Amino acid sequence: MFVQEAVQHGAAAAEGHAEKFNAGETIIHHVANSPLSEPLIHLPKIAGIDFSVTKHVLMLWLVAAFVFVVVTWAVRRYLRQDRLIPSGFMNALEAVVEFIRDDIAQPNVGKKWVNTWTPLILTFFLFILCANAVGLIPIFDVIGLADYYVLHTGEHSFLKQVLHGGTTATANFNVTAALATITFGAIIVAGTKAHGFVKHWMNLVPHGLAWPIYILLIPIEVMGMFVRPFALTMRLAANMTGGHIAILAILSFVFLFTEMAGQAIAGIGVGALVSVPLAVGISGLEIIVVLVQAYVFTLLTAVFIGMAIHVHH
């Protein structure tokens, strides 16, 4: 992730005017969204809202398009076969669909509602999994190296602008908040479809209790309604951000020790003995986290929808 910074820092040092390496600024540069003041694509404001495209918005579009195109292509290719026997990628996709339906959706929402809510739950899983996984692929770092050595585009070119910010859209709290808001709406819709609008809200608290208890219980239950999507928001974004920050912080040791010792050999030694092995190990853990966080968000969404359908006090 720091290859481009290393090249630029080394070039500046060779010219005798290198600035001191700022680990915090560099790490934030690689995990945060691109600056709102310099979006990738400028769009007009509508009702006072700026709809300009930043890097995380671009990544959302790319991931959504990728999931739509790949799944649509696989399913249509499968349906064109004379014998509907899945193979290759379609076999893996069918296994994922059956897992989400049989092991996540059905145990929580029940057989009656499994076909109603499986599409939403499955979409969550595939989208979050792909968005998480893309963040581990140094796509734009490779583009940055190609631009630095080959293309040499201008300072304000699209390629230069797209290098700012991280590629993990699910590390953005606005993105995870939007996903959690969909879950929040799905919970209300599920309860309303199962019990009716009025009955759904009455099911927030147990029936038959003394009325003074409701004075305390109703605010707690209403607060719990908002705590659930808030927990989904924070868990996904924090986990996806934390791993990247840990990797980048460990790789920063190379530059920090180089400056402290005043010799490049010190940074190279720290990188070879400490930074690279630790970064590789954490990257391996990140691969697991990518899958686990998609699973957890999907599972909790199914659990919350199931709680609205099957009310137990």
Protein backbone atom coordinates (compact mmCIF):
# COMPACT_ATOMS: atom_id res chain seq x y z
CA MET A 1 0.00 0.00 0.00
CA PHE A 2 2.92 2.34 0.63
CA VAL A 3 4.84 1.68 -2.57
CA GLN A 4 3.86 4.96 -4.18
CA GLU A 5 4.71 6.96 -1.05
CA ALA A 6 8.07 5.17 -0.86
CA VAL A 7 8.92 6.11 -4.44
CA GLN A 8 7.91 9.74 -3.99
CA HIS A 9 9.59 10.01 -0.57
CA GLY A 10 12.78 8.49 -1.91
CA ALA A 11 12.80 10.81 -4.90
CA ALA A 12 12.32 13.84 -2.66
CA ALA A 13 15.08 12.65 -0.35
CA ALA A 14 17.44 12.29 -3.29
CA GLU A 15 16.78 15.91 -4.21
CA GLY A 16 17.47 17.01 -0.64
CA HIS A 17 14.07 18.44 0.24
CA ALA A 18 12.17 15.48 1.68
CA GLU A 19 9.52 16.33 4.22
CA LYS A 20 9.25 14.40 7.46
CA PHE A 21 7.11 11.30 7.07
CA ASN A 22 3.67 11.79 8.65
CA ALA A 23 2.33 8.33 9.50
CA GLY A 24 -1.08 9.52 10.68
CA GLU A 25 -1.74 11.62 7.59
CA THR A 26 -0.62 8.83 5.27
CA ILE A 27 -2.78 6.22 7.01
CA ILE A 28 -5.87 8.43 6.90
CA HIS A 29 -5.14 9.12 3.23
CA HIS A 30 -5.40 5.39 2.54
CA VAL A 31 -8.53 4.57 4.57
CA ALA A 32 -10.73 7.67 4.40
CA ASN A 33 -12.95 8.84 1.59
CA SER A 34 -11.58 11.26 -1.00
CA PRO A 35 -12.03 14.95 -0.07
CA LEU A 36 -15.56 16.25 -0.46
CA SER A 37 -14.10 19.52 -1.71
CA GLU A 38 -12.43 17.71 -4.63
CA PRO A 39 -14.87 15.01 -5.82
CA LEU A 40 -14.02 12.72 -8.71
CA ILE A 41 -17.10 13.79 -10.66
CA HIS A 42 -18.79 17.13 -10.03
CA LEU A 43 -22.58 17.03 -10.06
CA PRO A 44 -25.02 19.87 -9.35
CA LYS A 45 -26.66 20.25 -5.97
CA ILE A 46 -30.29 19.15 -5.69
CA ALA A 47 -32.34 20.56 -2.79
CA GLY A 48 -29.09 21.70 -1.18
CA ILE A 49 -27.55 18.21 -1.31
CA ASP A 50 -24.27 17.75 -3.15
CA PHE A 51 -24.51 14.61 -5.32
CA SER A 52 -20.92 14.78 -6.54
CA VAL A 53 -19.13 11.45 -6.77
CA THR A 54 -16.35 10.73 -4.28
CA LYS A 55 -14.13 7.66 -4.27
CA HIS A 56 -16.34 5.62 -1.94
CA VAL A 57 -19.39 6.46 -4.05
CA LEU A 58 -17.44 5.30 -7.11
CA MET A 59 -16.55 2.06 -5.31
CA LEU A 60 -20.22 1.53 -4.40
CA TRP A 61 -21.17 1.86 -8.05
CA LEU A 62 -18.38 -0.47 -9.19
CA VAL A 63 -19.20 -3.16 -6.61
CA ALA A 64 -22.95 -2.95 -7.29
CA ALA A 65 -22.35 -3.17 -11.04
CA PHE A 66 -19.93 -6.08 -10.58
CA VAL A 67 -22.36 -8.09 -8.43
CA PHE A 68 -25.27 -7.39 -10.79
CA VAL A 69 -23.37 -8.27 -13.97
CA VAL A 70 -21.65 -11.39 -12.63
CA VAL A 71 -24.75 -12.87 -10.97
CA THR A 72 -27.01 -12.04 -13.93
CA TRP A 73 -24.51 -13.52 -16.39
CA ALA A 74 -24.09 -16.71 -14.35
CA VAL A 75 -27.83 -17.26 -13.87
CA ARG A 76 -28.74 -16.60 -17.51
CA ARG A 77 -25.92 -18.84 -18.71
CA TYR A 78 -27.21 -21.55 -16.39
CA LEU A 79 -30.82 -21.20 -17.59
CA ARG A 80 -29.75 -21.53 -21.24
CA GLN A 81 -28.42 -25.02 -20.60
CA ASP A 82 -30.36 -28.05 -21.81
CA ARG A 83 -29.81 -29.78 -18.49
CA LEU A 84 -30.14 -27.50 -15.45
CA ILE A 85 -27.14 -28.90 -13.62
CA PRO A 86 -24.95 -26.20 -12.07
CA SER A 87 -21.20 -26.34 -12.55
CA GLY A 88 -18.22 -24.10 -11.93
CA PHE A 89 -19.08 -20.63 -10.66
CA MET A 90 -22.82 -21.32 -10.76
CA ASN A 91 -22.33 -24.29 -8.48
CA ALA A 92 -20.59 -22.08 -5.93
CA LEU A 93 -23.26 -19.39 -6.29
CA GLU A 94 -26.03 -21.92 -5.75
CA ALA A 95 -24.28 -23.18 -2.62
CA VAL A 96 -24.14 -19.62 -1.27
CA VAL A 97 -27.82 -19.02 -2.07
CA GLU A 98 -28.87 -22.26 -0.38
CA PHE A 99 -26.71 -21.48 2.65
CA ILE A 100 -28.23 -18.03 3.09
CA ARG A 101 -31.76 -19.37 2.58
CA ASP A 102 -31.56 -22.56 4.66
CA ASP A 103 -29.09 -21.65 7.41
CA ILE A 104 -29.65 -17.92 7.92
CA ALA A 105 -33.04 -16.79 6.61
CA GLN A 106 -35.30 -19.76 7.32
CA PRO A 107 -34.28 -20.44 10.94
CA ASN A 108 -34.97 -16.79 11.79
CA VAL A 109 -37.92 -15.67 9.66
CA GLY A 110 -39.62 -19.08 9.31
CA LYS A 111 -40.76 -21.12 6.32
CA LYS A 112 -43.73 -18.86 5.64
CA TRP A 113 -41.57 -15.78 5.07
CA VAL A 114 -38.31 -17.32 3.84
CA ASN A 115 -38.94 -16.57 0.16
CA THR A 116 -40.00 -13.02 1.03
CA TRP A 117 -36.83 -12.03 2.88
CA THR A 118 -34.13 -14.26 1.42
CA PRO A 119 -33.56 -11.94 -1.62
CA LEU A 120 -32.81 -8.96 0.64
CA ILE A 121 -30.61 -10.97 3.00
CA LEU A 122 -28.74 -12.58 0.09
CA THR A 123 -28.19 -9.18 -1.56
CA PHE A 124 -26.73 -7.83 1.67
CA PHE A 125 -24.32 -10.75 1.91
CA LEU A 126 -23.06 -10.62 -1.68
CA PHE A 127 -22.74 -6.83 -1.78
CA ILE A 128 -20.96 -6.51 1.58
CA LEU A 129 -18.68 -9.47 0.84
CA CYS A 130 -17.60 -8.00 -2.51
CA ALA A 131 -17.21 -4.48 -1.08
CA ASN A 132 -15.07 -5.84 1.75
CA ALA A 133 -12.96 -7.98 -0.58
CA VAL A 134 -12.26 -5.17 -3.04
CA GLY A 135 -10.65 -3.23 -0.20
CA LEU A 136 -7.92 -5.88 0.03
CA ILE A 137 -6.96 -5.56 -3.63
CA PRO A 138 -4.47 -2.70 -4.30
CA ILE A 139 -6.15 -1.70 -7.56
CA PHE A 140 -5.53 2.02 -7.33
CA ASP A 141 -2.01 1.63 -5.95
CA VAL A 142 -1.08 -0.24 -9.14
CA ILE A 143 -2.74 2.52 -11.16
CA GLY A 144 -0.74 5.07 -9.18
CA LEU A 145 2.55 3.34 -9.96
CA ALA A 146 1.62 3.11 -13.63
CA ASP A 147 0.76 6.79 -13.63
CA TYR A 148 3.99 7.74 -11.84
CA TYR A 149 6.30 5.78 -14.15
CA VAL A 150 4.44 5.61 -17.46
CA LEU A 151 1.39 7.84 -17.90
CA HIS A 152 2.59 11.02 -16.13
CA THR A 153 -0.87 12.60 -16.07
CA GLY A 154 -1.49 16.11 -14.77
CA GLU A 155 -1.89 16.98 -11.11
CA HIS A 156 -5.66 17.42 -11.45
CA SER A 157 -6.31 14.46 -13.74
CA PHE A 158 -8.93 11.85 -12.90
CA LEU A 159 -6.21 9.26 -12.20
CA LYS A 160 -4.49 11.56 -9.71
CA GLN A 161 -7.77 12.30 -7.96
CA VAL A 162 -8.81 8.65 -7.72
CA LEU A 163 -5.63 7.85 -5.77
CA HIS A 164 -6.89 9.81 -2.77
CA GLY A 165 -8.80 7.82 -0.18
CA GLY A 166 -9.40 4.16 0.55
CA THR A 167 -11.10 1.58 -1.63
CA THR A 168 -13.15 -0.13 1.09
CA ALA A 169 -16.57 1.48 0.83
CA THR A 170 -17.85 -0.50 3.83
CA ALA A 171 -15.22 1.24 5.98
CA ASN A 172 -17.27 4.43 5.51
CA PHE A 173 -19.79 4.93 8.31
CA ASN A 174 -22.18 6.64 5.89
CA VAL A 175 -22.28 3.49 3.77
CA THR A 176 -22.85 1.13 6.68
CA ALA A 177 -25.45 3.53 8.11
CA ALA A 178 -27.34 3.39 4.81
CA LEU A 179 -27.26 -0.43 4.86
CA ALA A 180 -28.42 -0.44 8.48
CA THR A 181 -31.24 1.98 7.61
CA ILE A 182 -32.48 -0.52 5.03
CA THR A 183 -32.45 -3.17 7.77
CA PHE A 184 -34.34 -0.80 10.06
CA GLY A 185 -37.02 -0.30 7.42
CA ALA A 186 -37.16 -4.03 6.70
CA ILE A 187 -37.81 -4.76 10.38
CA ILE A 188 -40.82 -2.44 10.41
CA VAL A 189 -42.13 -3.80 7.09
CA ALA A 190 -41.70 -7.41 8.28
CA GLY A 191 -43.59 -6.78 11.50
CA THR A 192 -46.33 -4.90 9.68
CA LYS A 193 -46.78 -7.62 7.04
CA ALA A 194 -46.91 -10.32 9.70
CA HIS A 195 -49.15 -8.65 12.29
CA GLY A 196 -50.56 -5.44 10.81
CA PHE A 197 -49.32 -1.90 11.39
CA VAL A 198 -50.96 -1.27 14.76
CA LYS A 199 -50.30 -4.74 16.14
CA HIS A 200 -46.63 -4.51 15.16
CA TRP A 201 -46.09 -1.44 17.31
CA MET A 202 -48.11 -2.95 20.15
CA ASN A 203 -45.79 -5.97 20.05
CA LEU A 204 -42.86 -3.82 21.09
CA VAL A 205 -43.72 -4.47 24.73
CA PRO A 206 -45.24 -7.49 26.51
CA HIS A 207 -48.98 -7.51 27.10
CA GLY A 208 -50.79 -7.75 30.42
CA LEU A 209 -48.33 -5.83 32.59
CA ALA A 210 -49.22 -3.17 35.13
CA TRP A 211 -49.47 0.22 33.41
CA PRO A 212 -46.69 1.93 35.44
CA ILE A 213 -44.22 -0.60 34.01
CA TYR A 214 -44.97 0.60 30.49
CA ILE A 215 -43.76 4.10 31.39
CA LEU A 216 -40.29 2.63 31.82
CA LEU A 217 -40.49 -0.19 29.28
CA ILE A 218 -41.75 1.68 26.20
CA PRO A 219 -38.83 4.19 26.05
CA ILE A 220 -36.37 1.31 26.50
CA GLU A 221 -37.91 -0.68 23.64
CA VAL A 222 -38.04 2.37 21.36
CA MET A 223 -34.39 3.05 22.15
CA GLY A 224 -33.62 -0.59 21.35
CA MET A 225 -35.15 -0.11 17.88
CA PHE A 226 -32.46 2.44 17.06
CA VAL A 227 -29.64 0.66 18.89
CA ARG A 228 -29.88 -2.33 16.52
CA PRO A 229 -29.12 -0.45 13.27
CA PHE A 230 -26.54 1.65 15.13
CA ALA A 231 -24.74 -1.53 16.22
CA LEU A 232 -24.80 -2.82 12.62
CA THR A 233 -23.36 0.50 11.42
CA MET A 234 -20.51 0.66 13.89
CA ARG A 235 -19.54 -3.03 13.82
CA LEU A 236 -19.06 -3.32 10.07
CA ALA A 237 -17.32 0.01 9.50
CA ALA A 238 -15.08 -0.25 12.55
CA ASN A 239 -13.90 -3.77 11.73
CA MET A 240 -13.17 -2.93 8.10
CA THR A 241 -11.30 0.25 9.09
CA GLY A 242 -9.36 -1.25 11.99
CA GLY A 243 -7.64 -3.96 9.99
CA HIS A 244 -6.44 -1.56 7.29
CA ILE A 245 -5.16 0.91 9.89
CA ALA A 246 -3.23 -1.87 11.65
CA ILE A 247 -1.55 -2.97 8.39
CA LEU A 248 -0.65 0.58 7.38
CA ALA A 249 0.63 1.45 10.87
CA ILE A 250 2.97 -1.57 10.82
CA LEU A 251 4.24 -0.69 7.34
CA SER A 252 4.89 2.85 8.57
CA PHE A 253 7.70 1.46 10.74
CA VAL A 254 9.85 1.24 7.60
CA PHE A 255 9.77 5.01 7.06
CA LEU A 256 9.85 5.95 10.74
CA PHE A 257 12.94 3.85 11.50
CA THR A 258 14.62 5.15 8.34
CA GLU A 259 14.19 8.73 9.56
CA MET A 260 15.20 7.88 13.14
CA ALA A 261 18.40 6.10 12.07
CA GLY A 262 19.11 8.39 9.15
CA GLN A 263 19.88 5.38 6.99
CA ALA A 264 17.70 3.48 4.53
CA ILE A 265 19.23 0.16 5.64
CA ALA A 266 17.55 0.51 9.03
CA GLY A 267 14.12 0.86 7.45
CA ILE A 268 14.79 -2.03 5.09
CA GLY A 269 15.84 -4.25 8.00
CA VAL A 270 12.76 -3.37 10.05
CA GLY A 271 10.57 -3.94 7.01
CA ALA A 272 12.08 -7.34 6.21
CA LEU A 273 12.14 -8.62 9.80
CA VAL A 274 9.04 -7.01 11.33
CA SER A 275 6.73 -4.98 9.10
CA VAL A 276 6.28 -7.29 6.12
CA PRO A 277 5.77 -10.55 8.13
CA LEU A 278 3.30 -8.85 10.48
CA ALA A 279 1.48 -7.15 7.59
CA VAL A 280 1.19 -10.45 5.75
CA GLY A 281 -0.21 -12.13 8.88
CA ILE A 282 -2.78 -9.39 9.47
CA SER A 283 -3.72 -9.45 5.79
CA GLY A 284 -4.46 -13.15 6.20
CA LEU A 285 -6.69 -12.33 9.16
CA GLU A 286 -8.35 -9.60 7.08
CA ILE A 287 -9.39 -12.20 4.52
CA ILE A 288 -11.26 -13.99 7.31
CA VAL A 289 -12.70 -10.70 8.61
CA VAL A 290 -14.03 -9.88 5.12
CA LEU A 291 -16.12 -13.04 5.16
CA VAL A 292 -17.06 -12.93 8.84
CA GLN A 293 -18.31 -9.34 8.77
CA ALA A 294 -20.49 -9.99 5.72
CA TYR A 295 -21.88 -13.05 7.50
CA VAL A 296 -22.48 -11.23 10.80
CA PHE A 297 -24.29 -8.29 9.18
CA THR A 298 -26.45 -10.72 7.19
CA LEU A 299 -27.17 -12.93 10.18
CA LEU A 300 -28.13 -10.05 12.47
CA THR A 301 -30.39 -8.61 9.79
CA ALA A 302 -32.18 -11.96 9.57
CA VAL A 303 -32.39 -12.18 13.37
CA PHE A 304 -33.87 -8.70 13.71
CA ILE A 305 -36.42 -9.34 10.96
CA GLY A 306 -37.31 -12.65 12.57
CA MET A 307 -37.80 -10.95 15.96
CA ALA A 308 -40.36 -8.63 14.38
CA ILE A 309 -42.20 -11.57 12.80
CA HIS A 310 -42.02 -14.00 15.72
CA VAL A 311 -42.69 -11.92 18.80
CA HIS A 312 -41.67 -13.60 22.06
CA HIS A 313 -41.74 -11.81 25.38
